[in-house]
Amino acid sequence: MLNDEICKLREELNDSILSGQDYEITYKISVQLDQLIAEYYKTELDLSKTKRLKNRRKKKEESTK
């Protein structure tokens, strides 16, 4: 879902640049895109951390059997 929003905004930013829209509009889109990308990476890092913790617990459980 976030990825879809990022793709949509990226396309909107490209169109804004290519069509020569006002700098303020292009800048606003760029900032929105940056925020979405940061949110995406934060989510990905959180998921990765959760997976690592689960794997550690699983390995620990298996080693105590």
PDB file of N, CA and C in Angstrom:
ATOM      1  N   MET A   1       0.827  -1.189   0.000  1.00  0.00           N
ATOM      2  CA  MET A   1       0.000   0.000   0.000  1.00  0.00           C
ATOM      3  C   MET A   1       0.877   1.262   0.000  1.00  0.00           C
ATOM      4  N   LEU A   2       1.829   1.322   0.916  1.00  0.00           N
ATOM      5  CA  LEU A   2       2.747   2.462   0.938  1.00  0.00           C
ATOM      6  C   LEU A   2       3.528   2.536  -0.363  1.00  0.00           C
ATOM      7  N   ASN A   3       3.913   1.386  -0.857  1.00  0.00           N
ATOM      8  CA  ASN A   3       4.661   1.337  -2.107  1.00  0.00           C
ATOM      9  C   ASN A   3       3.845   1.928  -3.255  1.00  0.00           C
ATOM     10  N   ASP A   4       2.550   1.641  -3.279  1.00  0.00           N
ATOM     11  CA  ASP A   4       1.677   2.194  -4.316  1.00  0.00           C
ATOM     12  C   ASP A   4       1.603   3.716  -4.216  1.00  0.00           C
ATOM     13  N   GLU A   5       1.501   4.217  -2.997  1.00  0.00           N
ATOM     14  CA  GLU A   5       1.450   5.664  -2.788  1.00  0.00           C
ATOM     15  C   GLU A   5       2.761   6.315  -3.223  1.00  0.00           C
ATOM     16  N   ILE A   6       3.871   5.652  -2.924  1.00  0.00           N
ATOM     17  CA  ILE A   6       5.187   6.169  -3.330  1.00  0.00           C
ATOM     18  C   ILE A   6       5.274   6.233  -4.852  1.00  0.00           C
ATOM     19  N   CYS A   7       4.862   5.185  -5.515  1.00  0.00           N
ATOM     20  CA  CYS A   7       4.905   5.158  -6.983  1.00  0.00           C
ATOM     21  C   CYS A   7       4.026   6.260  -7.576  1.00  0.00           C
ATOM     22  N   LYS A   8       2.853   6.447  -7.009  1.00  0.00           N
ATOM     23  CA  LYS A   8       1.930   7.478  -7.495  1.00  0.00           C
ATOM     24  C   LYS A   8       2.550   8.867  -7.330  1.00  0.00           C
ATOM     25  N   LEU A   9       3.115   9.141  -6.158  1.00  0.00           N
ATOM     26  CA  LEU A   9       3.724  10.448  -5.917  1.00  0.00           C
ATOM     27  C   LEU A   9       4.975  10.651  -6.766  1.00  0.00           C
ATOM     28  N   ARG A  10       5.734   9.591  -6.975  1.00  0.00           N
ATOM     29  CA  ARG A  10       6.928   9.696  -7.816  1.00  0.00           C
ATOM     30  C   ARG A  10       6.533  10.088  -9.240  1.00  0.00           C
ATOM     31  N   GLU A  11       5.462   9.475  -9.725  1.00  0.00           N
ATOM     32  CA  GLU A  11       4.972   9.802 -11.065  1.00  0.00           C
ATOM     33  C   GLU A  11       4.467  11.253 -11.108  1.00  0.00           C
ATOM     34  N   GLU A  12       3.766  11.651 -10.057  1.00  0.00           N
ATOM     35  CA  GLU A  12       3.274  13.025  -9.974  1.00  0.00           C
ATOM     36  C   GLU A  12       4.442  14.023  -9.948  1.00  0.00           C
ATOM     37  N   LEU A  13       5.493  13.688  -9.214  1.00  0.00           N
ATOM     38  CA  LEU A  13       6.677  14.549  -9.152  1.00  0.00           C
ATOM     39  C   LEU A  13       7.344  14.648 -10.521  1.00  0.00           C
ATOM     40  N   ASN A  14       7.511  13.518 -11.177  1.00  0.00           N
ATOM     41  CA  ASN A  14       8.116  13.525 -12.514  1.00  0.00           C
ATOM     42  C   ASN A  14       7.300  14.382 -13.482  1.00  0.00           C
ATOM     43  N   ASP A  15       5.978  14.220 -13.448  1.00  0.00           N
ATOM     44  CA  ASP A  15       5.115  15.018 -14.320  1.00  0.00           C
ATOM     45  C   ASP A  15       5.244  16.502 -14.008  1.00  0.00           C
ATOM     46  N   SER A  16       5.333  16.820 -12.728  1.00  0.00           N
ATOM     47  CA  SER A  16       5.463  18.214 -12.309  1.00  0.00           C
ATOM     48  C   SER A  16       6.760  18.820 -12.852  1.00  0.00           C
ATOM     49  N   ILE A  17       7.829  18.045 -12.772  1.00  0.00           N
ATOM     50  CA  ILE A  17       9.125  18.530 -13.270  1.00  0.00           C
ATOM     51  C   ILE A  17       9.098  18.688 -14.790  1.00  0.00           C
ATOM     52  N   LEU A  18       8.596  17.663 -15.478  1.00  0.00           N
ATOM     53  CA  LEU A  18       8.589  17.681 -16.937  1.00  0.00           C
ATOM     54  C   LEU A  18       7.683  18.764 -17.516  1.00  0.00           C
ATOM     55  N   SER A  19       6.579  19.038 -16.821  1.00  0.00           N
ATOM     56  CA  SER A  19       5.649  20.041 -17.336  1.00  0.00           C
ATOM     57  C   SER A  19       6.040  21.459 -16.922  1.00  0.00           C
ATOM     58  N   GLY A  20       7.068  21.571 -16.083  1.00  0.00           N
ATOM     59  CA  GLY A  20       7.536  22.889 -15.673  1.00  0.00           C
ATOM     60  C   GLY A  20       6.607  23.603 -14.711  1.00  0.00           C
ATOM     61  N   GLN A  21       5.915  22.830 -13.877  1.00  0.00           N
ATOM     62  CA  GLN A  21       5.026  23.443 -12.890  1.00  0.00           C
ATOM     63  C   GLN A  21       5.802  24.364 -11.959  1.00  0.00           C
ATOM     64  N   ASP A  22       5.086  25.202 -11.278  1.00  0.00           N
ATOM     65  CA  ASP A  22       5.677  26.122 -10.313  1.00  0.00           C
ATOM     66  C   ASP A  22       6.542  25.364  -9.311  1.00  0.00           C
ATOM     67  N   TYR A  23       7.664  25.952  -8.949  1.00  0.00           N
ATOM     68  CA  TYR A  23       8.618  25.333  -8.033  1.00  0.00           C
ATOM     69  C   TYR A  23       7.971  24.933  -6.711  1.00  0.00           C
ATOM     70  N   GLU A  24       7.084  25.769  -6.188  1.00  0.00           N
ATOM     71  CA  GLU A  24       6.428  25.481  -4.904  1.00  0.00           C
ATOM     72  C   GLU A  24       5.646  24.171  -4.959  1.00  0.00           C
ATOM     73  N   ILE A  25       4.974  23.930  -6.051  1.00  0.00           N
ATOM     74  CA  ILE A  25       4.191  22.690  -6.215  1.00  0.00           C
ATOM     75  C   ILE A  25       5.131  21.489  -6.286  1.00  0.00           C
ATOM     76  N   THR A  26       6.178  21.606  -7.104  1.00  0.00           N
ATOM     77  CA  THR A  26       7.155  20.521  -7.243  1.00  0.00           C
ATOM     78  C   THR A  26       7.815  20.228  -5.904  1.00  0.00           C
ATOM     79  N   TYR A  27       8.172  21.280  -5.185  1.00  0.00           N
ATOM     80  CA  TYR A  27       8.814  21.110  -3.876  1.00  0.00           C
ATOM     81  C   TYR A  27       7.873  20.405  -2.894  1.00  0.00           C
ATOM     82  N   LYS A  28       6.615  20.808  -2.873  1.00  0.00           N
ATOM     83  CA  LYS A  28       5.634  20.202  -1.965  1.00  0.00           C
ATOM     84  C   LYS A  28       5.493  18.705  -2.246  1.00  0.00           C
ATOM     85  N   ILE A  29       5.408  18.347  -3.510  1.00  0.00           N
ATOM     86  CA  ILE A  29       5.301  16.927  -3.889  1.00  0.00           C
ATOM     87  C   ILE A  29       6.560  16.179  -3.461  1.00  0.00           C
ATOM     88  N   SER A  30       7.715  16.792  -3.665  1.00  0.00           N
ATOM     89  CA  SER A  30       8.983  16.176  -3.306  1.00  0.00           C
ATOM     90  C   SER A  30       9.059  15.904  -1.804  1.00  0.00           C
ATOM     91  N   VAL A  31       8.625  16.851  -1.003  1.00  0.00           N
ATOM     92  CA  VAL A  31       8.634  16.681   0.456  1.00  0.00           C
ATOM     93  C   VAL A  31       7.684  15.560   0.861  1.00  0.00           C
ATOM     94  N   GLN A  32       6.508  15.515   0.254  1.00  0.00           N
ATOM     95  CA  GLN A  32       5.554  14.440   0.551  1.00  0.00           C
ATOM     96  C   GLN A  32       6.151  13.081   0.204  1.00  0.00           C
ATOM     97  N   LEU A  33       6.821  13.019  -0.929  1.00  0.00           N
ATOM     98  CA  LEU A  33       7.449  11.768  -1.359  1.00  0.00           C
ATOM     99  C   LEU A  33       8.539  11.354  -0.378  1.00  0.00           C
ATOM    100  N   ASP A  34       9.353  12.300   0.048  1.00  0.00           N
ATOM    101  CA  ASP A  34      10.403  12.002   1.030  1.00  0.00           C
ATOM    102  C   ASP A  34       9.815  11.444   2.318  1.00  0.00           C
ATOM    103  N   GLN A  35       8.713  12.011   2.767  1.00  0.00           N
ATOM    104  CA  GLN A  35       8.076  11.547   3.995  1.00  0.00           C
ATOM    105  C   GLN A  35       7.548  10.123   3.844  1.00  0.00           C
ATOM    106  N   LEU A  36       6.945   9.837   2.703  1.00  0.00           N
ATOM    107  CA  LEU A  36       6.444   8.480   2.463  1.00  0.00           C
ATOM    108  C   LEU A  36       7.577   7.465   2.399  1.00  0.00           C
ATOM    109  N   ILE A  37       8.669   7.842   1.747  1.00  0.00           N
ATOM    110  CA  ILE A  37       9.818   6.940   1.650  1.00  0.00           C
ATOM    111  C   ILE A  37      10.399   6.671   3.036  1.00  0.00           C
ATOM    112  N   ALA A  38      10.500   7.703   3.856  1.00  0.00           N
ATOM    113  CA  ALA A  38      11.001   7.530   5.225  1.00  0.00           C
ATOM    114  C   ALA A  38      10.080   6.615   6.015  1.00  0.00           C
ATOM    115  N   GLU A  39       8.782   6.777   5.852  1.00  0.00           N
ATOM    116  CA  GLU A  39       7.813   5.919   6.542  1.00  0.00           C
ATOM    117  C   GLU A  39       7.942   4.473   6.073  1.00  0.00           C
ATOM    118  N   TYR A  40       8.140   4.295   4.767  1.00  0.00           N
ATOM    119  CA  TYR A  40       8.311   2.957   4.204  1.00  0.00           C
ATOM    120  C   TYR A  40       9.524   2.260   4.821  1.00  0.00           C
ATOM    121  N   TYR A  41      10.660   2.955   4.865  1.00  0.00           N
ATOM    122  CA  TYR A  41      11.871   2.349   5.414  1.00  0.00           C
ATOM    123  C   TYR A  41      11.744   2.088   6.908  1.00  0.00           C
ATOM    124  N   LYS A  42      11.066   2.968   7.627  1.00  0.00           N
ATOM    125  CA  LYS A  42      10.855   2.734   9.052  1.00  0.00           C
ATOM    126  C   LYS A  42      10.031   1.463   9.259  1.00  0.00           C
ATOM    127  N   THR A  43       8.994   1.315   8.463  1.00  0.00           N
ATOM    128  CA  THR A  43       8.150   0.115   8.537  1.00  0.00           C
ATOM    129  C   THR A  43       8.962  -1.134   8.211  1.00  0.00           C
ATOM    130  N   GLU A  44       9.768  -1.062   7.164  1.00  0.00           N
ATOM    131  CA  GLU A  44      10.587  -2.203   6.770  1.00  0.00           C
ATOM    132  C   GLU A  44      11.598  -2.569   7.858  1.00  0.00           C
ATOM    133  N   LEU A  45      12.213  -1.563   8.471  1.00  0.00           N
ATOM    134  CA  LEU A  45      13.169  -1.831   9.547  1.00  0.00           C
ATOM    135  C   LEU A  45      12.480  -2.446  10.755  1.00  0.00           C
ATOM    136  N   ASP A  46      11.294  -1.954  11.086  1.00  0.00           N
ATOM    137  CA  ASP A  46      10.543  -2.516  12.205  1.00  0.00           C
ATOM    138  C   ASP A  46      10.175  -3.973  11.941  1.00  0.00           C
ATOM    139  N   LEU A  47       9.755  -4.273  10.715  1.00  0.00           N
ATOM    140  CA  LEU A  47       9.410  -5.658  10.367  1.00  0.00           C
ATOM    141  C   LEU A  47      10.640  -6.556  10.432  1.00  0.00           C
ATOM    142  N   SER A  48      11.743  -6.050   9.949  1.00  0.00           N
ATOM    143  CA  SER A  48      12.987  -6.818   9.963  1.00  0.00           C
ATOM    144  C   SER A  48      13.424  -7.111  11.400  1.00  0.00           C
ATOM    145  N   LYS A  49      13.324  -6.125  12.246  1.00  0.00           N
ATOM    146  CA  LYS A  49      13.693  -6.295  13.655  1.00  0.00           C
ATOM    147  C   LYS A  49      12.792  -7.331  14.324  1.00  0.00           C
ATOM    148  N   THR A  50      11.501  -7.268  14.046  1.00  0.00           N
ATOM    149  CA  THR A  50      10.551  -8.219  14.622  1.00  0.00           C
ATOM    150  C   THR A  50      10.867  -9.641  14.168  1.00  0.00           C
ATOM    151  N   LYS A  51      11.187  -9.810  12.888  1.00  0.00           N
ATOM    152  CA  LYS A  51      11.534 -11.133  12.367  1.00  0.00           C
ATOM    153  C   LYS A  51      12.798 -11.675  13.025  1.00  0.00           C
ATOM    154  N   ARG A  52      13.792 -10.812  13.198  1.00  0.00           N
ATOM    155  CA  ARG A  52      15.036 -11.254  13.840  1.00  0.00           C
ATOM    156  C   ARG A  52      14.775 -11.708  15.269  1.00  0.00           C
ATOM    157  N   LEU A  53      13.962 -10.960  15.997  1.00  0.00           N
ATOM    158  CA  LEU A  53      13.648 -11.331  17.376  1.00  0.00           C
ATOM    159  C   LEU A  53      12.923 -12.672  17.440  1.00  0.00           C
ATOM    160  N   LYS A  54      11.982 -12.879  16.523  1.00  0.00           N
ATOM    161  CA  LYS A  54      11.257 -14.152  16.486  1.00  0.00           C
ATOM    162  C   LYS A  54      12.204 -15.303  16.178  1.00  0.00           C
ATOM    163  N   ASN A  55      13.117 -15.091  15.243  1.00  0.00           N
ATOM    164  CA  ASN A  55      14.076 -16.138  14.892  1.00  0.00           C
ATOM    165  C   ASN A  55      15.000 -16.467  16.057  1.00  0.00           C
ATOM    166  N   ARG A  56      15.430 -15.442  16.793  1.00  0.00           N
ATOM    167  CA  ARG A  56      16.282 -15.681  17.965  1.00  0.00           C
ATOM    168  C   ARG A  56      15.542 -16.501  19.016  1.00  0.00           C
ATOM    169  N   ARG A  57      14.282 -16.133  19.261  1.00  0.00           N
ATOM    170  CA  ARG A  57      13.492 -16.881  20.253  1.00  0.00           C
ATOM    171  C   ARG A  57      13.311 -18.323  19.823  1.00  0.00           C
ATOM    172  N   LYS A  58      13.046 -18.516  18.542  1.00  0.00           N
ATOM    173  CA  LYS A  58      12.845 -19.864  18.022  1.00  0.00           C
ATOM    174  C   LYS A  58      14.126 -20.695  18.173  1.00  0.00           C
ATOM    175  N   LYS A  59      15.268 -20.110  17.813  1.00  0.00           N
ATOM    176  CA  LYS A  59      16.546 -20.819  17.956  1.00  0.00           C
ATOM    177  C   LYS A  59      16.842 -21.128  19.409  1.00  0.00           C
ATOM    178  N   LYS A  60      16.533 -20.189  20.278  1.00  0.00           N
ATOM    179  CA  LYS A  60      16.770 -20.405  21.698  1.00  0.00           C
ATOM    180  C   LYS A  60      15.897 -21.537  22.233  1.00  0.00           C
ATOM    181  N   GLU A  61      14.642 -21.566  21.818  1.00  0.00           N
ATOM    182  CA  GLU A  61      13.735 -22.644  22.221  1.00  0.00           C
ATOM    183  C   GLU A  61      14.218 -23.989  21.719  1.00  0.00           C
ATOM    184  N   GLU A  62      14.704 -23.996  20.474  1.00  0.00           N
ATOM    185  CA  GLU A  62      15.176 -25.256  19.893  1.00  0.00           C
ATOM    186  C   GLU A  62      16.445 -25.755  20.585  1.00  0.00           C
ATOM    187  N   SER A  63      17.277 -24.855  21.001  1.00  0.00           N
ATOM    188  CA  SER A  63      18.537 -25.262  21.641  1.00  0.00           C
ATOM    189  C   SER A  63      18.327 -25.751  23.058  1.00  0.00           C
ATOM    190  N   THR A  64      17.211 -25.403  23.688  1.00  0.00           N
ATOM    191  CA  THR A  64      16.940 -25.842  25.065  1.00  0.00           C
ATOM    192  C   THR A  64      16.194 -27.162  25.092  1.00  0.00           C
ATOM    193  N   LYS A  65      15.836 -27.704  23.950  1.00  0.00           N
ATOM    194  CA  LYS A  65      15.107 -28.985  23.913  1.00  0.00           C
ATOM    195  C   LYS A  65      16.026 -30.140  24.073  1.00  0.00           C
TER     196      LYS A  65
END
